[in-house]
């Protein structure tokens, strides 16, 4: 492996791409520590040192921003607005026929969809920046801290802060696209990978300090087992055999080959976990806006939400979280993989599944296979996502537990994909590659 990396850096073109990617990653991490204008950096650090952080969706956004959210830096919003915009544009293909037409047009249509995603990212960044500034000014971003994060609450400072945070989102999006174009791997995915990996040393150090060496090594063992499980499932796929009949095109005979349709066990990726986390945050957000005034009793439904749906170690929260992940896995796979479209494309080019007639029987067969293979994928996602919550109950390490849920799914997935791309470029230059 080390010799393969050495060969990669000895290849001039590949070395240039790798160094460019590392340079962008360095700039991205530096931006996570540059405070936004009007933010009292000393007060923020003092608040974070107390260990009081908000829960719910803020933890997810803070994870994707590499800790920049709670520090209210210029990159506080991280890559989350772009992720949300990409998911929305993808879902709109089902609702708006024009979006589906653009998707089917090829490169020109894809460029227009990418442009729509950029516009939506800036709009969501503006909305998220306004929300973040209001939370920071009201003290809800760091609820255990009484120090002012934004001492100057004038209109000019607020507008400047919102513009800075939105511009940071646009800059992150631009850097991610530069990595995709001139670097190695998918730029957006690599920036997310960097943000998550940046928090691992701090989390493991906090476990060593607060829980002791025994818990620390237990977490490491659980992490290694989780990584092995994730790698095994992410690489697993059902290969549906496909044969193409021979055809005469002019004087040439084409076709007659055999291939397969790879249907991954986890086709939905990490999107169902993000959806489920976001949906479970909504009840807590609604209850925050219905808190009683001084002297008034708490409404029963607000109290029930506060007791059952805002604590990750509660059985009701875990059960709902698991069930919603399973539901969103089926929902997202049904949107992203269309058996009828695959069947029509196979029929157009003379392809067929052995023993299955072309047309609707092929679509029904693909739907049958997809529905069966999605179930273990959904259960696997739910199991991995519950690992941090179970760790909270067993070893009280939820806040600092790095192996599990969204983080490990993204890190392993992005790592495997990036290594495959480097391996493919090495093999193009007649090297042995990273993977044997």
Protein backbone atom coordinates (compact mmCIF):
# COMPACT_ATOMS: atom_id res chain seq x y z
CA UNK A 1 0.00 0.00 0.00
CA UNK A 2 2.77 2.47 0.93
CA UNK A 3 4.72 1.64 -2.22
CA UNK A 4 1.56 2.21 -4.26
CA UNK A 5 1.15 5.67 -2.71
CA UNK A 6 4.81 6.30 -3.53
CA UNK A 7 4.16 5.43 -7.19
CA UNK A 8 1.15 7.74 -7.16
CA UNK A 9 3.27 10.68 -5.99
CA UNK A 10 6.01 9.82 -8.52
CA UNK A 11 3.52 10.21 -11.36
CA UNK A 12 3.62 13.95 -12.26
CA UNK A 13 -0.02 14.35 -13.30
CA UNK A 14 -1.40 12.35 -10.38
CA UNK A 15 0.97 14.06 -7.93
CA UNK A 16 -0.29 17.45 -9.09
CA UNK A 17 -3.89 16.36 -8.53
CA UNK A 18 -3.16 14.97 -5.08
CA UNK A 19 -1.28 18.10 -3.97
CA UNK A 20 -4.06 20.32 -5.31
CA UNK A 21 -6.63 18.30 -3.34
CA UNK A 22 -4.54 18.52 -0.16
CA UNK A 23 -4.16 22.28 -0.65
CA UNK A 24 -7.93 22.80 -0.93
CA UNK A 25 -8.48 20.62 2.15
CA UNK A 26 -5.96 22.73 4.10
CA UNK A 27 -7.73 25.97 3.15
CA UNK A 28 -11.05 24.42 4.10
CA UNK A 29 -9.80 23.47 7.54
CA UNK A 30 -8.22 26.90 8.12
CA UNK A 31 -11.55 28.56 7.37
CA UNK A 32 -13.20 26.53 10.13
CA UNK A 33 -11.14 28.45 12.73
CA UNK A 34 -11.46 31.99 11.35
CA UNK A 35 -14.19 33.75 13.40
CA UNK A 36 -16.93 35.63 11.61
CA UNK A 37 -17.10 39.43 12.01
CA UNK A 38 -18.87 40.49 15.20
CA UNK A 39 -18.34 37.16 16.99
CA UNK A 40 -16.51 37.16 20.34
CA UNK A 41 -14.09 34.29 19.78
CA UNK A 42 -12.92 34.17 23.43
CA UNK A 43 -16.48 33.78 24.71
CA UNK A 44 -17.19 31.05 22.16
CA UNK A 45 -14.12 29.06 23.20
CA UNK A 46 -14.99 29.47 26.87
CA UNK A 47 -18.51 28.22 26.21
CA UNK A 48 -17.25 25.22 24.24
CA UNK A 49 -14.79 24.33 27.01
CA UNK A 50 -17.73 23.75 29.37
CA UNK A 51 -18.94 20.91 27.13
CA UNK A 52 -22.40 22.40 26.67
CA UNK A 53 -23.58 21.88 23.12
CA UNK A 54 -27.01 21.78 21.60
CA UNK A 55 -28.50 18.55 20.32
CA UNK A 56 -30.57 17.35 17.44
CA UNK A 57 -29.85 18.67 14.00
CA UNK A 58 -27.18 21.08 15.31
CA UNK A 59 -24.93 18.13 16.10
CA UNK A 60 -25.39 16.85 12.55
CA UNK A 61 -24.59 20.23 10.98
CA UNK A 62 -21.67 20.72 13.36
CA UNK A 63 -20.39 17.28 12.32
CA UNK A 64 -20.48 18.20 8.63
CA UNK A 65 -18.82 21.56 9.31
CA UNK A 66 -15.92 20.02 11.23
CA UNK A 67 -16.84 21.84 14.45
CA UNK A 68 -17.08 25.22 12.69
CA UNK A 69 -20.81 25.66 13.41
CA UNK A 70 -20.54 26.00 17.17
CA UNK A 71 -17.54 28.30 16.74
CA UNK A 72 -19.55 30.53 14.34
CA UNK A 73 -16.59 30.74 11.94
CA UNK A 74 -16.76 31.89 8.33
CA UNK A 75 -17.33 28.25 7.27
CA UNK A 76 -19.88 27.61 10.05
CA UNK A 77 -22.57 26.30 7.69
CA UNK A 78 -20.16 23.85 6.10
CA UNK A 79 -21.34 21.72 3.19
CA UNK A 80 -24.82 21.10 4.63
CA UNK A 81 -26.69 23.64 2.41
CA UNK A 82 -25.23 22.00 -0.69
CA UNK A 83 -26.20 18.51 0.52
CA UNK A 84 -29.75 19.68 1.21
CA UNK A 85 -29.98 21.43 -2.17
CA UNK A 86 -28.72 18.33 -3.99
CA UNK A 87 -31.27 16.12 -2.28
CA UNK A 88 -34.11 18.58 -3.01
CA UNK A 89 -33.20 18.83 -6.70
CA UNK A 90 -33.02 15.04 -6.90
CA UNK A 91 -36.43 14.65 -5.28
CA UNK A 92 -37.95 17.32 -7.55
CA UNK A 93 -37.28 15.06 -10.52
CA UNK A 94 -40.24 12.98 -9.37
CA UNK A 95 -42.52 16.01 -8.90
CA UNK A 96 -41.51 18.32 -11.78
CA UNK A 97 -41.38 16.69 -15.24
CA UNK A 98 -39.03 19.41 -16.52
CA UNK A 99 -36.35 18.29 -14.06
CA UNK A 100 -36.68 14.69 -15.26
CA UNK A 101 -36.35 15.84 -18.87
CA UNK A 102 -33.16 17.74 -18.03
CA UNK A 103 -31.80 14.65 -16.29
CA UNK A 104 -32.44 12.54 -19.40
CA UNK A 105 -30.84 15.08 -21.79
CA UNK A 106 -27.33 14.11 -20.80
CA UNK A 107 -24.46 16.50 -20.13
CA UNK A 108 -26.32 19.69 -21.11
CA UNK A 109 -29.28 18.88 -18.89
CA UNK A 110 -27.03 17.84 -16.02
CA UNK A 111 -25.23 21.20 -16.20
CA UNK A 112 -28.54 23.03 -15.86
CA UNK A 113 -29.51 20.89 -12.86
CA UNK A 114 -26.12 21.65 -11.33
CA UNK A 115 -26.77 25.36 -11.85
CA UNK A 116 -30.15 25.06 -10.13
CA UNK A 117 -28.42 23.25 -7.26
CA UNK A 118 -25.96 26.14 -6.91
CA UNK A 119 -28.71 28.74 -6.77
CA UNK A 120 -30.65 26.70 -4.23
CA UNK A 121 -27.47 26.24 -2.16
CA UNK A 122 -27.00 30.02 -1.88
CA UNK A 123 -30.68 30.48 -0.97
CA UNK A 124 -30.51 27.78 1.71
CA UNK A 125 -27.20 29.22 2.94
CA UNK A 126 -28.85 32.61 3.37
CA UNK A 127 -31.74 31.03 5.27
CA UNK A 128 -29.46 28.92 7.46
CA UNK A 129 -27.17 31.89 8.14
CA UNK A 130 -30.13 33.96 9.34
CA UNK A 131 -31.26 31.11 11.60
CA UNK A 132 -27.75 30.59 12.97
CA UNK A 133 -27.30 34.28 13.77
CA UNK A 134 -30.66 34.43 15.56
CA UNK A 135 -29.80 31.30 17.58
CA UNK A 136 -26.39 32.69 18.50
CA UNK A 137 -27.86 36.02 19.60
CA UNK A 138 -30.60 34.37 21.67
CA UNK A 139 -28.22 31.93 23.39
CA UNK A 140 -29.94 28.79 22.04
CA UNK A 141 -26.91 27.69 20.01
CA UNK A 142 -24.92 27.00 23.21
CA UNK A 143 -27.67 26.65 25.83
CA UNK A 144 -25.33 26.08 28.77
CA UNK A 145 -23.41 29.31 28.19
CA UNK A 146 -24.34 32.71 29.62
CA UNK A 147 -21.65 34.69 27.78
CA UNK A 148 -22.67 36.76 24.73
CA UNK A 149 -21.49 35.20 21.47
CA UNK A 150 -22.37 38.27 19.39
CA UNK A 151 -22.02 41.28 21.74
CA UNK A 152 -22.96 43.86 19.08
CA UNK A 153 -26.55 43.23 17.98
CA UNK A 154 -26.79 46.17 15.57
CA UNK A 155 -28.39 45.76 12.16
CA UNK A 156 -25.12 46.39 10.29
CA UNK A 157 -23.26 43.69 12.26
CA UNK A 158 -26.11 41.22 11.77
CA UNK A 159 -26.28 41.81 8.00
CA UNK A 160 -22.50 41.59 7.67
CA UNK A 161 -22.48 38.33 9.62
CA UNK A 162 -25.24 36.80 7.47
CA UNK A 163 -23.47 37.82 4.26
CA UNK A 164 -20.17 36.37 5.52
CA UNK A 165 -21.72 33.01 6.43
CA UNK A 166 -23.54 32.81 3.09
CA UNK A 167 -20.36 33.72 1.20
CA UNK A 168 -18.55 30.98 3.15
CA UNK A 169 -21.09 28.46 1.89
CA UNK A 170 -20.56 29.62 -1.70
CA UNK A 171 -16.78 29.42 -1.30
CA UNK A 172 -16.99 25.86 0.07
CA UNK A 173 -19.19 24.85 -2.87
CA UNK A 174 -16.68 26.37 -5.31
CA UNK A 175 -13.74 24.61 -3.65
CA UNK A 176 -15.56 21.29 -3.76
CA UNK A 177 -16.23 21.68 -7.48
CA UNK A 178 -12.58 22.60 -8.06
CA UNK A 179 -11.47 19.37 -6.37
CA UNK A 180 -13.90 17.37 -8.51
CA UNK A 181 -12.59 19.03 -11.67
CA UNK A 182 -8.85 19.32 -11.02
CA UNK A 183 -8.19 17.01 -8.06
CA UNK A 184 -8.85 13.41 -7.10
CA UNK A 185 -12.26 12.12 -6.07
CA UNK A 186 -15.56 13.88 -5.47
CA UNK A 187 -14.80 17.28 -3.98
CA UNK A 188 -17.93 17.65 -1.87
CA UNK A 189 -17.55 14.18 -0.42
CA UNK A 190 -13.89 14.77 0.40
CA UNK A 191 -14.71 18.01 2.23
CA UNK A 192 -17.31 16.16 4.31
CA UNK A 193 -14.76 13.41 4.95
CA UNK A 194 -12.25 16.02 6.13
CA UNK A 195 -14.78 17.67 8.45
CA UNK A 196 -15.70 14.39 10.12
CA UNK A 197 -12.13 13.09 10.37
CA UNK A 198 -11.03 16.36 11.99
CA UNK A 199 -13.17 15.60 15.03
CA UNK A 200 -11.83 12.09 15.67
CA UNK A 201 -8.69 13.02 17.68
CA UNK A 202 -10.66 15.37 19.94
CA UNK A 203 -13.42 12.81 20.50
CA UNK A 204 -11.01 9.98 21.30
CA UNK A 205 -8.99 12.25 23.58
CA UNK A 206 -12.14 13.26 25.46
CA UNK A 207 -13.07 9.58 25.94
CA UNK A 208 -9.57 8.81 27.27
CA UNK A 209 -9.74 11.75 29.70
CA UNK A 210 -13.30 11.34 30.95
CA UNK A 211 -13.90 7.57 30.71
CA UNK A 212 -10.42 6.12 31.19
CA UNK A 213 -8.24 3.69 29.19
CA UNK A 214 -10.69 0.78 29.53
CA UNK A 215 -13.53 2.61 27.81
CA UNK A 216 -11.09 4.08 25.28
CA UNK A 217 -9.89 0.67 24.08
CA UNK A 218 -13.48 -0.62 24.11
CA UNK A 219 -14.46 2.23 21.79
CA UNK A 220 -11.50 1.45 19.51
CA UNK A 221 -12.56 -2.22 19.33
CA UNK A 222 -16.17 -1.28 18.55
CA UNK A 223 -14.90 1.15 15.93
CA UNK A 224 -12.79 -1.48 14.16
CA UNK A 225 -15.70 -3.93 14.10
CA UNK A 226 -18.02 -1.20 12.79
CA UNK A 227 -15.60 -0.23 10.03
CA UNK A 228 -15.24 -3.88 8.99
CA UNK A 229 -19.04 -4.25 8.89
CA UNK A 230 -19.51 -1.06 6.89
CA UNK A 231 -16.80 -1.99 4.37
CA UNK A 232 -18.31 -5.46 3.92
CA UNK A 233 -21.85 -4.17 3.34
CA UNK A 234 -20.83 -1.18 1.21
CA UNK A 235 -18.96 -3.53 -1.13
CA UNK A 236 -21.80 -6.07 -1.23
CA UNK A 237 -24.04 -6.14 -4.27
CA UNK A 238 -26.48 -8.37 -6.10
CA UNK A 239 -25.37 -8.91 -9.67
CA UNK A 240 -28.32 -9.47 -12.00
CA UNK A 241 -26.99 -11.17 -15.18
CA UNK A 242 -27.77 -9.50 -18.52
CA UNK A 243 -27.13 -10.85 -22.02
CA UNK A 244 -27.20 -8.85 -25.25
CA UNK A 245 -28.35 -10.46 -28.48
CA UNK A 246 -26.17 -10.25 -31.59
CA UNK A 247 -27.15 -7.54 -34.06
CA UNK A 248 -25.92 -6.53 -37.50
CA UNK A 249 -25.01 -2.84 -37.81
CA UNK A 250 -23.77 -2.33 -41.36
CA UNK A 251 -21.21 -5.06 -41.92
CA UNK A 252 -20.35 -5.46 -38.27
CA UNK A 253 -21.83 -7.84 -35.74
CA UNK A 254 -22.29 -6.25 -32.34
CA UNK A 255 -23.69 -7.62 -29.10
CA UNK A 256 -23.57 -11.18 -27.94
CA UNK A 257 -21.88 -10.17 -24.70
CA UNK A 258 -22.77 -10.92 -21.11
CA UNK A 259 -22.71 -8.39 -18.29
CA UNK A 260 -24.63 -7.68 -15.09
CA UNK A 261 -26.59 -4.97 -13.29
CA UNK A 262 -24.97 -4.27 -9.90
CA UNK A 263 -27.62 -3.61 -7.24
CA UNK A 264 -25.89 -2.55 -4.03
CA UNK A 265 -27.19 -3.65 -0.66
CA UNK A 266 -27.03 -0.04 0.52
CA UNK A 267 -28.19 1.94 -2.50
CA UNK A 268 -29.48 4.86 -0.44
CA UNK A 269 -26.14 5.75 1.15
CA UNK A 270 -26.36 8.02 4.16
CA UNK A 271 -29.40 10.01 2.98
CA UNK A 272 -32.00 8.07 5.07
CA UNK A 273 -30.00 8.75 8.24
CA UNK A 274 -29.94 12.49 7.46
CA UNK A 275 -33.68 12.49 6.71
CA UNK A 276 -34.52 10.62 9.92
CA UNK A 277 -32.33 12.90 12.05
CA UNK A 278 -33.93 15.99 10.54
CA UNK A 279 -37.48 14.71 11.02
CA UNK A 280 -36.85 13.72 14.64
CA UNK A 281 -35.52 17.21 15.34
CA UNK A 282 -38.81 18.85 14.30
CA UNK A 283 -40.84 17.82 17.41
CA UNK A 284 -38.15 19.26 19.69
CA UNK A 285 -38.10 22.47 17.66
CA UNK A 286 -41.90 22.78 17.92
CA UNK A 287 -41.77 22.22 21.67
CA UNK A 288 -39.15 24.98 22.02
CA UNK A 289 -41.58 27.48 20.51
CA UNK A 290 -44.32 26.35 22.95
CA UNK A 291 -42.43 26.62 26.21
CA UNK A 292 -44.59 28.13 28.99
CA UNK A 293 -44.00 31.55 30.44
CA UNK A 294 -42.92 32.05 34.02
CA UNK A 295 -45.53 30.70 36.40
CA UNK A 296 -47.53 28.79 33.76
CA UNK A 297 -47.72 24.98 33.69
CA UNK A 298 -46.09 22.97 30.92
CA UNK A 299 -48.54 21.55 28.40
CA UNK A 300 -48.76 17.74 28.53
CA UNK A 301 -47.78 17.20 24.89
CA UNK A 302 -44.77 19.52 25.23
CA UNK A 303 -43.65 17.65 28.34
CA UNK A 304 -44.06 14.30 26.56
CA UNK A 305 -41.92 15.49 23.62
CA UNK A 306 -39.24 16.84 25.96
CA UNK A 307 -39.11 13.54 27.86
CA UNK A 308 -39.30 11.09 24.95
CA UNK A 309 -38.21 12.69 21.66
CA UNK A 310 -35.28 14.91 22.64
CA UNK A 311 -33.15 12.32 24.45
CA UNK A 312 -31.16 9.88 22.34
CA UNK A 313 -31.07 7.24 25.07
CA UNK A 314 -34.88 6.93 25.31
CA UNK A 315 -36.36 3.70 23.86
CA UNK A 316 -39.15 5.58 22.03
CA UNK A 317 -36.58 7.84 20.35
CA UNK A 318 -34.47 4.84 19.30
CA UNK A 319 -37.49 2.94 17.96
CA UNK A 320 -38.75 5.92 15.94
CA UNK A 321 -35.25 6.65 14.66
CA UNK A 322 -34.80 3.06 13.48
CA UNK A 323 -38.28 2.87 11.89
CA UNK A 324 -37.83 6.18 10.05
CA UNK A 325 -34.45 5.08 8.67
CA UNK A 326 -36.04 1.91 7.28
CA UNK A 327 -38.92 3.92 5.76
CA UNK A 328 -36.67 6.57 4.17
CA UNK A 329 -34.38 3.87 2.78
CA UNK A 330 -37.23 2.33 0.82
CA UNK A 331 -38.49 5.79 -0.16
CA UNK A 332 -35.14 7.02 -1.46
CA UNK A 333 -34.30 3.80 -3.30
CA UNK A 334 -37.71 3.91 -5.02
CA UNK A 335 -36.91 7.43 -6.25
CA UNK A 336 -33.33 6.88 -7.39
CA UNK A 337 -33.69 3.45 -9.05
CA UNK A 338 -36.45 3.05 -11.64
CA UNK A 339 -36.85 -0.60 -12.77
CA UNK A 340 -39.05 0.41 -15.72
CA UNK A 341 -36.41 2.81 -17.02
CA UNK A 342 -33.69 0.16 -16.70
CA UNK A 343 -35.91 -2.39 -18.45
CA UNK A 344 -36.66 0.01 -21.33
CA UNK A 345 -32.95 0.76 -21.81
CA UNK A 346 -32.14 -2.95 -21.88
CA UNK A 347 -34.89 -3.61 -24.40
CA UNK A 348 -33.71 -0.72 -26.58
CA UNK A 349 -30.21 -2.20 -26.91
CA UNK A 350 -31.29 -5.84 -27.19
CA UNK A 351 -30.50 -6.83 -23.62
CA UNK A 352 -32.42 -9.35 -21.54
CA UNK A 353 -32.16 -11.22 -18.26
CA UNK A 354 -31.83 -14.99 -18.88
CA UNK A 355 -35.16 -16.68 -18.22
CA UNK A 356 -37.07 -13.35 -18.03
CA UNK A 357 -38.94 -11.84 -20.95
CA UNK A 358 -38.10 -8.28 -21.97
CA UNK A 359 -40.43 -5.43 -21.06
CA UNK A 360 -42.74 -5.48 -18.06
CA UNK A 361 -41.65 -8.94 -16.77
CA UNK A 362 -38.07 -7.62 -16.57
CA UNK A 363 -39.23 -4.51 -14.69
CA UNK A 364 -41.25 -6.68 -12.27
CA UNK A 365 -38.27 -8.96 -11.69
CA UNK A 366 -35.95 -6.01 -11.00
CA UNK A 367 -38.52 -4.57 -8.60
CA UNK A 368 -38.75 -7.93 -6.83
CA UNK A 369 -34.96 -8.14 -6.44
CA UNK A 370 -34.76 -4.51 -5.34
CA UNK A 371 -37.44 -4.88 -2.67
CA UNK A 372 -35.73 -7.97 -1.24
CA UNK A 373 -32.23 -6.53 -1.16
CA UNK A 374 -33.33 -3.16 0.25
CA UNK A 375 -34.54 -4.74 3.50
CA UNK A 376 -31.10 -5.89 4.75
CA UNK A 377 -29.68 -2.55 3.58
CA UNK A 378 -32.28 -0.64 5.60
CA UNK A 379 -31.71 -2.79 8.70
CA UNK A 380 -27.96 -2.30 8.33
CA UNK A 381 -28.36 1.50 8.16
CA UNK A 382 -30.59 1.50 11.21
CA UNK A 383 -28.16 -0.67 13.16
CA UNK A 384 -25.13 1.49 12.34
CA UNK A 385 -27.05 4.70 13.10
CA UNK A 386 -28.06 3.38 16.54
CA UNK A 387 -24.47 2.60 17.59
CA UNK A 388 -23.84 6.06 19.15
CA UNK A 389 -27.19 5.93 20.97
CA UNK A 390 -26.46 2.47 22.35
CA UNK A 391 -23.00 3.71 23.37
CA UNK A 392 -24.72 6.47 25.36
CA UNK A 393 -26.59 3.84 27.38
CA UNK A 394 -23.72 1.40 27.83
CA UNK A 395 -20.61 3.57 28.26
CA UNK A 396 -22.03 7.11 28.38
CA UNK A 397 -19.94 8.19 25.38
CA UNK A 398 -22.56 9.60 23.01
CA UNK A 399 -21.17 13.14 22.79
CA UNK A 400 -17.67 11.89 22.02
CA UNK A 401 -18.37 8.53 20.34
CA UNK A 402 -16.88 8.88 16.83
CA UNK A 403 -17.59 5.42 15.36
CA UNK A 404 -21.15 5.07 14.22
CA UNK A 405 -24.08 6.67 12.51
CA UNK A 406 -23.52 9.23 9.81
CA UNK A 407 -19.82 9.75 10.43
CA UNK A 408 -18.56 6.22 9.85
CA UNK A 409 -20.85 5.65 6.86
CA UNK A 410 -19.55 8.75 5.11
CA UNK A 411 -15.90 8.20 5.98
CA UNK A 412 -15.80 4.58 4.81
CA UNK A 413 -17.85 5.28 1.68
CA UNK A 414 -15.78 8.30 0.61
CA UNK A 415 -12.52 6.55 1.48
CA UNK A 416 -13.36 3.50 -0.63
CA UNK A 417 -14.48 5.63 -3.58
CA UNK A 418 -11.39 7.85 -3.49
CA UNK A 419 -9.01 4.88 -3.31
CA UNK A 420 -10.81 3.31 -6.28
CA UNK A 421 -10.36 6.48 -8.32
CA UNK A 422 -6.65 6.69 -7.50
CA UNK A 423 -6.32 3.00 -8.34
CA UNK A 424 -8.05 3.52 -11.69
CA UNK A 425 -5.70 6.36 -12.60
CA UNK A 426 -2.68 4.29 -11.62
CA UNK A 427 -3.85 1.38 -13.75
CA UNK A 428 -4.31 3.72 -16.72
CA UNK A 429 -0.59 4.43 -16.44
CA UNK A 430 0.24 0.67 -16.37
CA UNK A 431 0.95 0.52 -12.64
CA UNK A 432 -0.18 -2.20 -10.34
CA UNK A 433 -2.63 0.05 -8.48
CA UNK A 434 -3.61 0.47 -4.86
CA UNK A 435 -5.97 -2.50 -4.79
CA UNK A 436 -4.83 -6.01 -5.67
